[in-house]
Structure formats: structure tokens, C-alpha cells
Amino acid sequence: MQVIHIVMHAVLKQAVKEGILGLNPADAVERPKVEVAEWKILTEEQAQHLITATTGTRYGTLIYFALVTGVREGELLGLKWSDVDWTKGQLHVQRQLQVMKVDGSVLVPLKIKAGRRHIKLGSGTLDRLALHRKHQEREKQARGARWEENDLIFPNTIGKPISSRNMYDDYKRLLSENGLPDINFHALRHTSLSFLLDMGTPVNTIQHRAGHLKASVTTDMYGHSLGHSEDELRAGSKNYLCLLQSNCSQNKAFGN
């Protein structure tokens, strides 16, 4: 319904510009709210446990980045080393890995301008990323001629784009083995952004991080928050800020 409202409003706005209408009747219509079901997301303690438990596994850094950045799965799998600005401490999100029925997985640019964004990374996160790169260089040398260079941050074992299905199966196994809730990978994004909202982070900041077109989309989707008490929020904020900045002792170990 939101999409219909946006399209109709734009069409009628153009009609006003061209003198066909005197007023835009859609201005008087309240924008429909997004009806979002309550997602299964991790608590702050569970998120920390997942990071610790997956350190040393192939997808540890990928899972860590999903929780720290709130970036979508396809965007994470489409990240290249050239997207990292080590000097400014920024990650440039500009493409995604898209699964095609015929051609398999392909990298495609993000169509929405708001989706193409820079995300600030803490110094600890950059350190973890640098260790991840060193591990990848060793893997590249071990594979030799079998390695296909695509500059991907999160490739498969021979440099090609990861199979989402294989990654998803391993991710679910890791959850099960560590007694964590059975949530899909996208729920890590919801967890990250919900935590930020709970911490009192400005909505516009979360909107940019999420790649949403409008701040209203962010509030509609995440306004439910986690429902913590004020004391819990203060404690959780400190811990999650630690996670964001990668200053926690358990986050310093390299996970790949």
C-alpha cells in the first residue's frame, strides 16, 4: 500500500506542475503504515554469544559484520576489498549478490540511491577485517591456479561468490550447535538495527545505516524495539557499543 501511495502521489504532483490539477488530492491522504510482524531477533547476550561461538569458523567474520553493520545479506556477499576505505574507516556499500534462476549468482549495482551508502567502522572492526584479509591471502596461495580473483571480501574457498544456500545451511548448523534461536540470517540485520534504536541512536543515522529511502520506513519497521527497561537499555547500550567498536576482549580474536 505504501508503494501505491508513493506512486500515486508522484503522478498527481506532476499533474499539478503541468496545470492539469490545482491541488494534489493525495496530500490529504495519510500515508499507510507498514504492517510488520514481530521478527525473531537475538538479545544482546545472544548476539555476543554468537560472535564468540563463531570465531574461528569460516563464516565468523561474515556473521560479525552482519551484526555490527546491519547490512543486508546480499550486500555483504557483494562487498569488495576496494569498498573499504582504511584511512577514513568506512565501508562503501554499492552492490549486492543476486541469485538468478539461469545464470546463478551475479553481482549487481544497488538501484536505490539510499542503498548506496558509506558505513563507519570502528578501529577494532578494521583490525578484524585486516586479519580476515590475511587469512584470505593464505587461502589464495594454497589454492594456486584454482583461485578466481574477484576482489570479494567474503568469497567461497576458490574466490568465487558464496553459495547463499551453503552459507545458510552452515549458519543454521552453528545456531543449533550453540543453543541459539533458530532465526534466519536476515534477522541479524534486524537485531543490529533494533539494538541501535533501543540505544537512542538518531533515526536518521539508523536510516542511513540501513539504506532506507525515508526515516519513516525505519520507524515503521523498528519502532517496536526490544522492549527493554531503562536499566537494561543502559547496560545493553554499553555492551553493544563495545561490539560496534570491537573493543570487547572476545571480539579481538580472528573469526573466519
Protein backbone atom coordinates (compact mmCIF):
# COMPACT_ATOMS: atom_id res chain seq x y z
CA MET A 1 0.00 0.00 0.00
CA GLN A 2 2.90 2.36 0.71
CA VAL A 3 4.28 1.87 -2.79
CA ILE A 4 0.87 2.61 -4.34
CA HIS A 5 0.59 5.76 -2.23
CA ILE A 6 4.06 6.96 -3.23
CA VAL A 7 3.47 6.33 -6.94
CA MET A 8 0.03 7.98 -6.96
CA HIS A 9 1.34 10.98 -5.02
CA ALA A 10 4.17 11.43 -7.54
CA VAL A 11 1.80 11.17 -10.53
CA LEU A 12 -0.64 13.68 -9.07
CA LYS A 13 2.20 16.01 -8.08
CA GLN A 14 3.35 16.04 -11.70
CA ALA A 15 -0.23 16.78 -12.81
CA VAL A 16 -0.23 19.84 -10.53
CA LYS A 17 3.08 21.01 -12.04
CA GLU A 18 1.62 20.71 -15.54
CA GLY A 19 -1.51 22.65 -14.57
CA ILE A 20 -3.85 19.70 -15.04
CA LEU A 21 -4.83 19.80 -11.35
CA GLY A 22 -4.96 22.70 -8.95
CA LEU A 23 -4.16 20.64 -5.86
CA ASN A 24 -2.71 17.23 -5.18
CA PRO A 25 -5.56 15.25 -3.55
CA ALA A 26 -3.02 12.71 -2.25
CA ASP A 27 -1.68 15.38 0.12
CA ALA A 28 -4.81 14.90 2.22
CA VAL A 29 -4.38 11.12 2.39
CA GLU A 30 -2.40 9.76 5.31
CA ARG A 31 0.47 7.54 4.20
CA PRO A 32 -0.29 3.89 5.02
CA LYS A 33 1.93 2.42 7.70
CA VAL A 34 3.98 -0.68 7.05
CA GLU A 35 2.45 -3.65 8.80
CA VAL A 36 5.45 -5.56 10.09
CA ALA A 37 5.28 -8.79 12.03
CA GLU A 38 7.45 -9.10 15.13
CA TRP A 39 10.73 -10.63 13.99
CA LYS A 40 12.73 -13.17 15.86
CA ILE A 41 15.89 -11.35 16.84
CA LEU A 42 18.73 -12.01 19.23
CA THR A 43 19.13 -10.47 22.63
CA GLU A 44 22.35 -8.57 23.29
CA GLU A 45 23.69 -11.55 25.26
CA GLN A 46 22.82 -13.98 22.46
CA ALA A 47 24.47 -11.72 19.87
CA GLN A 48 27.68 -11.66 21.90
CA HIS A 49 27.50 -15.44 22.30
CA LEU A 50 27.05 -15.93 18.55
CA ILE A 51 30.13 -13.81 17.81
CA THR A 52 32.21 -15.72 20.34
CA ALA A 53 30.93 -19.13 19.22
CA THR A 54 31.56 -18.49 15.51
CA THR A 55 35.07 -17.09 15.94
CA GLY A 56 37.36 -19.48 14.10
CA THR A 57 34.64 -20.72 11.72
CA ARG A 58 34.55 -19.90 8.04
CA TYR A 59 31.59 -17.53 8.38
CA GLY A 60 32.58 -15.93 11.68
CA THR A 61 33.59 -12.59 10.19
CA LEU A 62 30.56 -12.53 7.91
CA ILE A 63 28.22 -13.09 10.86
CA TYR A 64 30.12 -10.49 12.88
CA PHE A 65 29.73 -7.91 10.10
CA ALA A 66 26.01 -8.64 9.79
CA LEU A 67 25.56 -7.88 13.49
CA VAL A 68 27.86 -4.85 13.58
CA THR A 69 26.83 -3.11 10.34
CA GLY A 70 23.20 -4.15 9.85
CA VAL A 71 23.97 -4.63 6.14
CA ARG A 72 21.74 -6.98 4.14
CA GLU A 73 22.96 -10.47 3.26
CA GLY A 74 23.19 -9.82 -0.48
CA GLU A 75 25.07 -6.57 0.15
CA LEU A 76 27.55 -8.30 2.46
CA LEU A 77 28.24 -11.03 -0.09
CA GLY A 78 28.74 -8.36 -2.77
CA LEU A 79 31.37 -6.40 -0.83
CA LYS A 80 34.81 -5.98 -2.40
CA TRP A 81 38.10 -5.02 -0.81
CA SER A 82 38.04 -1.88 -2.95
CA ASP A 83 34.93 -0.84 -0.98
CA VAL A 84 36.98 -0.41 2.20
CA ASP A 85 38.49 2.99 2.91
CA TRP A 86 41.09 2.08 5.51
CA THR A 87 42.10 5.70 6.10
CA LYS A 88 38.60 7.04 6.77
CA GLY A 89 37.42 3.81 8.40
CA GLN A 90 34.46 3.45 6.05
CA LEU A 91 32.72 0.68 4.15
CA HIS A 92 31.13 1.64 0.83
CA VAL A 93 28.00 -0.42 0.14
CA GLN A 94 27.19 -0.17 -3.57
CA ARG A 95 26.27 -3.60 -4.95
CA GLN A 96 24.70 -6.90 -3.97
CA LEU A 97 24.96 -10.56 -4.84
CA GLN A 98 21.74 -11.56 -6.57
CA VAL A 99 20.68 -15.15 -7.19
CA MET A 100 19.47 -15.65 -10.79
CA LYS A 101 17.48 -18.66 -11.98
CA VAL A 102 19.54 -19.07 -15.15
CA ASP A 103 22.98 -17.53 -14.60
CA GLY A 104 23.43 -18.39 -10.93
CA SER A 105 24.68 -15.65 -8.59
CA VAL A 106 25.71 -12.33 -10.14
CA LEU A 107 26.88 -9.01 -8.72
CA VAL A 108 24.51 -6.15 -9.49
CA PRO A 109 24.66 -2.45 -8.51
CA LEU A 110 22.14 -1.17 -5.97
CA LYS A 111 19.36 0.64 -7.79
CA ILE A 112 18.11 2.86 -4.95
CA LYS A 113 20.34 5.84 -4.19
CA ALA A 114 19.77 5.47 -0.44
CA GLY A 115 21.09 1.93 -0.66
CA ARG A 116 24.46 3.17 -1.87
CA ARG A 117 25.96 4.35 1.39
CA HIS A 118 29.09 4.65 3.50
CA ILE A 119 29.13 2.92 6.89
CA LYS A 120 31.57 3.93 9.60
CA LEU A 121 33.67 1.10 11.02
CA GLY A 122 35.35 1.10 14.43
CA SER A 123 39.09 0.60 14.71
CA GLY A 124 38.62 -2.88 16.19
CA THR A 125 36.36 -3.85 13.31
CA LEU A 126 39.02 -2.70 10.85
CA ASP A 127 41.59 -4.79 12.72
CA ARG A 128 39.35 -7.82 12.44
CA LEU A 129 38.86 -7.14 8.75
CA ALA A 130 42.62 -6.87 8.23
CA LEU A 131 43.11 -10.28 9.88
CA HIS A 132 40.37 -11.69 7.68
CA ARG A 133 42.24 -10.42 4.64
CA LYS A 134 45.49 -12.03 5.77
CA HIS A 135 43.70 -15.34 6.17
CA GLN A 136 42.21 -14.95 2.70
CA GLU A 137 45.67 -14.28 1.22
CA ARG A 138 46.91 -17.55 2.74
CA GLU A 139 43.91 -19.37 1.33
CA LYS A 140 44.52 -17.82 -2.09
CA GLN A 141 48.12 -19.03 -2.08
CA ALA A 142 47.03 -22.53 -1.06
CA ARG A 143 44.50 -22.74 -3.91
CA GLY A 144 47.00 -21.55 -6.53
CA ALA A 145 45.64 -21.64 -10.08
CA ARG A 146 42.22 -22.74 -8.82
CA TRP A 147 41.64 -19.33 -7.24
CA GLU A 148 39.44 -16.96 -9.26
CA GLU A 149 40.15 -13.37 -8.25
CA ASN A 150 37.00 -11.27 -7.83
CA ASP A 151 38.25 -8.94 -5.06
CA LEU A 152 35.42 -10.21 -2.83
CA ILE A 153 35.67 -9.81 0.93
CA PHE A 154 33.50 -12.89 1.53
CA PRO A 155 34.13 -15.32 -1.36
CA ASN A 156 33.94 -19.11 -1.34
CA THR A 157 37.04 -21.29 -0.99
CA ILE A 158 38.23 -20.54 -4.55
CA GLY A 159 37.41 -16.82 -4.77
CA LYS A 160 34.01 -17.06 -6.41
CA PRO A 161 30.77 -15.64 -4.93
CA ILE A 162 29.49 -17.68 -1.99
CA SER A 163 26.57 -20.03 -2.47
CA SER A 164 23.86 -18.49 -0.30
CA ARG A 165 22.33 -21.91 0.27
CA ASN A 166 25.59 -23.46 1.52
CA MET A 167 26.27 -20.47 3.75
CA TYR A 168 22.74 -20.56 5.12
CA ASP A 169 22.98 -24.29 5.95
CA ASP A 170 26.24 -23.74 7.85
CA TYR A 171 24.80 -20.71 9.62
CA LYS A 172 21.76 -22.70 10.80
CA ARG A 173 24.04 -25.50 12.00
CA LEU A 174 26.10 -23.03 14.03
CA LEU A 175 22.94 -21.70 15.70
CA SER A 176 21.78 -25.22 16.57
CA GLU A 177 25.15 -26.35 17.91
CA ASN A 178 25.36 -23.33 20.21
CA GLY A 179 21.83 -23.45 21.57
CA LEU A 180 20.79 -20.21 19.88
CA PRO A 181 17.31 -19.39 18.50
CA ASP A 182 16.50 -20.69 15.02
CA ILE A 183 16.46 -17.34 13.19
CA ASN A 184 17.20 -16.59 9.55
CA PHE A 185 20.34 -14.71 8.50
CA HIS A 186 18.38 -11.54 7.73
CA ALA A 187 17.37 -11.43 11.41
CA LEU A 188 20.95 -10.43 12.22
CA ARG A 189 20.28 -7.16 10.38
CA HIS A 190 17.06 -6.67 12.36
CA THR A 191 18.97 -7.39 15.57
CA SER A 192 21.64 -4.81 14.76
CA LEU A 193 19.25 -2.01 13.80
CA SER A 194 16.85 -2.73 16.67
CA PHE A 195 19.72 -2.50 19.15
CA LEU A 196 20.75 0.86 17.72
CA LEU A 197 17.22 2.19 18.03
CA ASP A 198 16.99 0.92 21.60
CA MET A 199 20.23 2.74 22.41
CA GLY A 200 18.65 6.04 21.42
CA THR A 201 20.61 6.41 18.18
CA PRO A 202 19.05 9.15 16.00
CA VAL A 203 16.58 7.70 13.50
CA ASN A 204 18.28 9.49 10.60
CA THR A 205 21.55 7.78 11.49
CA ILE A 206 19.88 4.37 11.54
CA GLN A 207 18.05 5.19 8.30
CA HIS A 208 21.37 5.86 6.55
CA ARG A 209 22.98 2.75 8.00
CA ALA A 210 20.01 0.63 6.92
CA GLY A 211 19.88 2.12 3.44
CA HIS A 212 16.22 3.12 3.78
CA LEU A 213 14.77 5.72 1.44
CA LYS A 214 12.94 7.57 4.23
CA ALA A 215 13.26 7.80 8.01
CA SER A 216 9.57 6.92 8.26
CA VAL A 217 10.36 3.48 6.82
CA THR A 218 12.89 2.96 9.62
CA THR A 219 10.48 3.98 12.38
CA ASP A 220 7.65 1.88 10.90
CA MET A 221 9.87 -1.20 10.75
CA TYR A 222 11.81 -0.85 14.00
CA GLY A 223 9.58 1.26 16.23
CA HIS A 224 8.65 -1.80 18.26
CA SER A 225 12.28 -2.03 19.53
CA LEU A 226 13.19 -4.73 22.02
CA GLY A 227 11.03 -3.55 24.87
CA HIS A 228 13.87 -3.37 27.40
CA SER A 229 13.61 -1.47 30.64
CA GLU A 230 15.64 1.72 31.03
CA ASP A 231 18.21 -0.07 33.23
CA GLU A 232 18.55 -2.89 30.70
CA LEU A 233 18.93 -0.38 27.89
CA ARG A 234 21.75 1.41 29.67
CA ALA A 235 23.59 -1.88 30.29
CA GLY A 236 22.89 -3.18 26.81
CA SER A 237 23.97 0.06 25.20
CA LYS A 238 27.40 -0.16 26.81
CA ASN A 239 27.82 -3.74 25.68
CA TYR A 240 26.57 -3.14 22.17
CA LEU A 241 28.72 -0.04 21.76
CA CYS A 242 31.60 -2.31 22.74
CA LEU A 243 30.53 -4.69 19.99
CA LEU A 244 30.23 -1.88 17.44
CA GLN A 245 33.67 -0.56 18.28
CA SER A 246 35.14 -4.07 18.63
CA ASN A 247 36.79 -3.23 21.93
CA CYS A 248 35.41 -6.30 23.72
CA SER A 249 38.08 -8.86 24.54
CA GLN A 250 36.11 -11.70 22.93
CA ASN A 251 35.88 -9.74 19.68
CA LYS A 252 39.61 -9.30 19.27
CA ALA A 253 40.13 -12.91 18.22
CA PHE A 254 40.04 -13.51 14.49
CA GLY A 255 36.97 -15.32 13.19
CA ASN A 256 36.81 -16.57 9.61
